[in-house]
Amino acid sequence: MSKADRMKVSTSIEDYLKAIWLIAKDASASTNALAEQLNVAAPSVSSMLGKLQDLGFVEHEPYHGVRLTPSGSRRALRLLRGHRLIETFLLEHLGYTWAEVHEEAERLEHAVSERFTERLADLLGHPTHDPHGDPIPGPAGDFPNTPNTPLAELEVGQILEVSRLMTQAPDVLTYIAQLGIHPGQRIQVRKTEPIGGLIHVYFGNRTEILSKELAMLIRGQVGS
């Protein structure tokens, strides 16, 4: 383990590393994308990127974005693993709802150790996906396969088996839950409207009309 891996860092540094990974994974993230993701001003991002580069967590080239180094990626994935395991624990054992687990996990993820994270994984039976269907990285940073076709891209008659929901917004998650859509749900596209982008879908013995924006957030495997 490198010195950078052992270093104790601040919550804000961890937030930046996770945000870079969520935006770009192994590619480069722009300053503007980071500012939007973290809801901070662009000059603040530029200042933090300098610190991250000094610590060996990122490679930053002005006007070409920022990329995580191997130690930065390991940090980000450890944090993401803890976050998604905590979300699963909150939902399965403490009675939290879909809409509540993300913000609570955001606070708790910085306080837990790797040992705690692995004990939590043992307790939960080593889940591969969190309550929203997002893949949980393994201890070595590997990811399970997760189908990712948007419902909005299906043709009339096709069926999507939902695997994940690409949002953490509490109001959107609450609405999706009220509709009865969840990972594992099978949804058939019955009709699409070229004007307005509305999509008529069938699941659970009823028909619903979804906006294209909402249907883009519902991802999964195209079935028959």
Protein backbone atom coordinates (compact mmCIF):
# COMPACT_ATOMS: atom_id res chain seq x y z
CA MET A 1 0.00 0.00 0.00
CA SER A 2 1.41 3.39 -0.99
CA LYS A 3 1.84 6.38 1.32
CA ALA A 4 -1.04 8.11 -0.50
CA ASP A 5 -3.29 5.12 0.21
CA ARG A 6 -2.49 5.25 3.95
CA MET A 7 -2.84 9.04 4.26
CA LYS A 8 -5.75 10.37 6.30
CA VAL A 9 -7.56 12.99 4.24
CA SER A 10 -10.43 15.40 4.73
CA THR A 11 -14.07 14.81 3.91
CA SER A 12 -13.93 17.41 1.12
CA ILE A 13 -10.99 15.66 -0.55
CA GLU A 14 -12.86 12.35 -0.45
CA ASP A 15 -15.94 14.05 -1.93
CA TYR A 16 -13.87 15.39 -4.83
CA LEU A 17 -12.29 12.01 -5.55
CA LYS A 18 -15.66 10.28 -5.57
CA ALA A 19 -17.17 13.00 -7.77
CA ILE A 20 -14.36 12.69 -10.32
CA TRP A 21 -14.89 8.94 -10.48
CA LEU A 22 -18.67 9.23 -10.83
CA ILE A 23 -18.31 11.75 -13.66
CA ALA A 24 -15.47 10.23 -15.64
CA LYS A 25 -14.29 6.94 -14.11
CA ASP A 26 -10.90 6.39 -15.80
CA ALA A 27 -11.30 9.32 -18.21
CA SER A 28 -10.97 13.07 -17.59
CA ALA A 29 -13.55 15.22 -15.80
CA SER A 30 -13.91 18.92 -16.57
CA THR A 31 -13.78 21.65 -13.95
CA ASN A 32 -17.30 22.75 -14.86
CA ALA A 33 -18.68 19.22 -14.49
CA LEU A 34 -17.11 18.94 -11.04
CA ALA A 35 -18.45 22.34 -10.00
CA GLU A 36 -21.95 21.26 -11.03
CA GLN A 37 -21.68 17.84 -9.37
CA LEU A 38 -20.45 19.28 -6.07
CA ASN A 39 -22.49 22.51 -6.23
CA VAL A 40 -19.44 24.74 -5.76
CA ALA A 41 -17.88 27.60 -7.73
CA ALA A 42 -15.40 26.78 -10.51
CA PRO A 43 -12.53 28.73 -8.83
CA SER A 44 -12.97 26.57 -5.71
CA VAL A 45 -12.66 23.46 -7.87
CA SER A 46 -9.45 24.73 -9.46
CA SER A 47 -7.94 25.40 -6.03
CA MET A 48 -8.83 21.92 -4.75
CA LEU A 49 -7.49 20.22 -7.87
CA GLY A 50 -4.10 21.74 -7.14
CA LYS A 51 -4.17 20.20 -3.66
CA LEU A 52 -5.26 16.83 -5.01
CA GLN A 53 -2.43 16.85 -7.52
CA ASP A 54 0.10 17.69 -4.80
CA LEU A 55 -1.20 14.72 -2.79
CA GLY A 56 -0.81 12.41 -5.78
CA PHE A 57 -4.51 11.66 -6.18
CA VAL A 58 -5.07 13.28 -9.59
CA GLU A 59 -3.35 14.39 -12.76
CA HIS A 60 -4.59 17.83 -13.76
CA GLU A 61 -3.80 19.60 -17.00
CA PRO A 62 -5.43 23.03 -17.44
CA TYR A 63 -8.10 23.06 -20.18
CA HIS A 64 -7.88 19.26 -20.48
CA GLY A 65 -9.62 18.21 -17.28
CA VAL A 66 -8.57 16.06 -14.36
CA ARG A 67 -7.97 12.32 -14.16
CA LEU A 68 -7.62 10.12 -11.08
CA THR A 69 -4.29 8.43 -10.44
CA PRO A 70 -4.34 4.76 -9.32
CA SER A 71 -4.23 5.84 -5.65
CA GLY A 72 -7.01 8.38 -6.29
CA SER A 73 -9.16 5.70 -7.93
CA ARG A 74 -8.63 3.32 -5.02
CA ARG A 75 -9.70 6.03 -2.57
CA ALA A 76 -12.79 6.89 -4.61
CA LEU A 77 -13.87 3.27 -4.99
CA ARG A 78 -13.41 2.50 -1.30
CA LEU A 79 -15.64 5.45 -0.48
CA LEU A 80 -18.21 4.41 -3.09
CA ARG A 81 -18.22 0.83 -1.78
CA GLY A 82 -18.88 2.04 1.75
CA HIS A 83 -21.58 4.43 0.57
CA ARG A 84 -23.56 1.83 -1.35
CA LEU A 85 -23.26 -0.79 1.39
CA ILE A 86 -24.49 1.76 3.95
CA GLU A 87 -27.46 2.58 1.71
CA THR A 88 -28.32 -1.12 1.54
CA PHE A 89 -28.03 -1.50 5.33
CA LEU A 90 -30.23 1.53 6.00
CA LEU A 91 -32.97 0.22 3.70
CA GLU A 92 -32.87 -3.43 4.75
CA HIS A 93 -32.29 -3.10 8.49
CA LEU A 94 -33.27 0.38 9.68
CA GLY A 95 -36.46 1.04 7.74
CA TYR A 96 -35.19 3.93 5.61
CA THR A 97 -36.85 4.55 2.25
CA TRP A 98 -35.21 4.80 -1.18
CA ALA A 99 -35.46 8.56 -1.00
CA GLU A 100 -33.74 8.79 2.39
CA VAL A 101 -30.74 6.48 2.14
CA HIS A 102 -28.49 8.55 -0.14
CA GLU A 103 -28.20 11.67 2.01
CA GLU A 104 -27.71 9.61 5.18
CA ALA A 105 -25.00 7.53 3.51
CA GLU A 106 -23.30 10.73 2.31
CA ARG A 107 -22.78 11.67 5.96
CA LEU A 108 -21.81 8.22 7.23
CA GLU A 109 -19.44 7.16 4.44
CA HIS A 110 -16.62 9.37 5.76
CA ALA A 111 -16.85 8.03 9.31
CA VAL A 112 -16.48 4.29 8.72
CA SER A 113 -13.26 2.30 8.41
CA GLU A 114 -12.42 -0.33 5.81
CA ARG A 115 -12.80 -2.96 8.54
CA PHE A 116 -16.32 -1.73 9.30
CA THR A 117 -17.17 -1.69 5.59
CA GLU A 118 -16.13 -5.32 5.15
CA ARG A 119 -18.00 -6.38 8.31
CA LEU A 120 -21.05 -4.64 6.87
CA ALA A 121 -20.62 -6.52 3.59
CA ASP A 122 -20.48 -9.80 5.55
CA LEU A 123 -23.64 -8.90 7.46
CA LEU A 124 -25.52 -8.05 4.27
CA GLY A 125 -24.41 -11.19 2.45
CA HIS A 126 -22.08 -9.37 0.05
CA PRO A 127 -24.70 -7.63 -2.12
CA THR A 128 -23.66 -6.71 -5.65
CA HIS A 129 -26.05 -3.75 -6.06
CA ASP A 130 -27.45 -1.03 -3.79
CA PRO A 131 -31.18 -0.24 -3.36
CA HIS A 132 -31.20 1.94 -6.50
CA GLY A 133 -29.59 -0.84 -8.54
CA ASP A 134 -26.18 0.85 -8.71
CA PRO A 135 -23.32 -1.69 -8.71
CA ILE A 136 -21.28 -1.99 -5.52
CA PRO A 137 -17.54 -2.15 -6.20
CA GLY A 138 -15.83 -5.19 -4.73
CA PRO A 139 -12.95 -4.95 -2.23
CA ALA A 140 -10.49 -4.91 -5.15
CA GLY A 141 -12.45 -2.24 -7.05
CA ASP A 142 -14.09 -4.63 -9.52
CA PHE A 143 -17.72 -4.13 -10.58
CA PRO A 144 -20.52 -6.61 -11.28
CA ASN A 145 -22.11 -6.44 -14.70
CA THR A 146 -25.12 -4.11 -14.72
CA PRO A 147 -27.39 -3.76 -17.80
CA ASN A 148 -27.79 -0.07 -18.57
CA THR A 149 -30.21 0.40 -21.49
CA PRO A 150 -32.57 3.36 -20.88
CA LEU A 151 -36.30 2.62 -21.02
CA ALA A 152 -36.63 5.67 -23.29
CA GLU A 153 -34.65 3.92 -26.04
CA LEU A 154 -36.92 0.88 -26.37
CA GLU A 155 -39.18 0.31 -29.36
CA VAL A 156 -42.91 -0.26 -29.00
CA GLY A 157 -43.52 -3.82 -27.80
CA GLN A 158 -40.12 -4.26 -26.19
CA ILE A 159 -39.76 -5.08 -22.49
CA LEU A 160 -37.18 -3.74 -20.06
CA GLU A 161 -36.23 -5.62 -16.91
CA VAL A 162 -35.25 -2.76 -14.60
CA SER A 163 -31.78 -3.04 -13.05
CA ARG A 164 -31.05 0.49 -11.81
CA LEU A 165 -32.38 4.02 -11.38
CA MET A 166 -30.01 6.77 -12.46
CA THR A 167 -30.98 9.39 -9.89
CA GLN A 168 -30.45 10.19 -6.23
CA ALA A 169 -33.02 13.02 -6.12
CA PRO A 170 -35.41 12.24 -3.22
CA ASP A 171 -38.50 13.66 -4.96
CA VAL A 172 -37.85 11.66 -8.14
CA LEU A 173 -37.16 8.45 -6.21
CA THR A 174 -40.32 8.94 -4.17
CA TYR A 175 -42.36 9.40 -7.35
CA ILE A 176 -40.80 6.31 -8.98
CA ALA A 177 -41.53 4.28 -5.85
CA GLN A 178 -45.14 5.50 -5.84
CA LEU A 179 -45.47 4.28 -9.43
CA GLY A 180 -44.30 0.84 -8.29
CA ILE A 181 -41.13 0.82 -10.40
CA HIS A 182 -38.12 -0.89 -8.83
CA PRO A 183 -35.15 -3.08 -9.79
CA GLY A 184 -36.50 -6.38 -11.08
CA GLN A 185 -39.72 -4.82 -12.45
CA ARG A 186 -40.57 -5.73 -16.08
CA ILE A 187 -41.93 -2.80 -18.10
CA GLN A 188 -43.32 -2.99 -21.63
CA VAL A 189 -43.44 0.01 -23.97
CA ARG A 190 -46.94 0.19 -25.45
CA LYS A 191 -46.85 3.53 -27.29
CA THR A 192 -44.56 6.51 -27.86
CA GLU A 193 -45.65 10.03 -28.76
CA PRO A 194 -43.25 11.84 -31.13
CA ILE A 195 -44.54 15.23 -30.01
CA GLY A 196 -43.90 15.79 -26.33
CA GLY A 197 -41.87 12.61 -25.93
CA LEU A 198 -44.39 10.84 -23.70
CA ILE A 199 -44.03 7.07 -23.36
CA HIS A 200 -46.96 4.77 -22.54
CA VAL A 201 -45.77 1.76 -20.55
CA TYR A 202 -47.41 -1.32 -19.07
CA PHE A 203 -46.42 -3.07 -15.84
CA GLY A 204 -48.14 -4.43 -12.76
CA ASN A 205 -51.40 -4.93 -14.71
CA ARG A 206 -51.78 -1.24 -15.48
CA THR A 207 -50.66 1.44 -17.93
CA GLU A 208 -48.72 4.58 -16.99
CA ILE A 209 -47.52 7.53 -19.06
CA LEU A 210 -43.93 8.60 -18.41
CA SER A 211 -41.96 11.58 -19.64
CA LYS A 212 -38.92 10.85 -21.77
CA GLU A 213 -36.73 12.47 -19.09
CA LEU A 214 -38.00 10.05 -16.45
CA ALA A 215 -37.74 7.07 -18.80
CA MET A 216 -34.07 7.92 -19.42
CA LEU A 217 -33.41 7.40 -15.70
CA ILE A 218 -34.87 3.89 -15.69
CA ARG A 219 -32.19 1.47 -16.92
CA GLY A 220 -32.01 -2.26 -17.42
CA GLN A 221 -31.84 -5.27 -19.73
CA VAL A 222 -33.98 -5.51 -22.85
CA GLY A 223 -35.99 -8.73 -22.68
CA SER A 224 -38.71 -10.44 -24.64
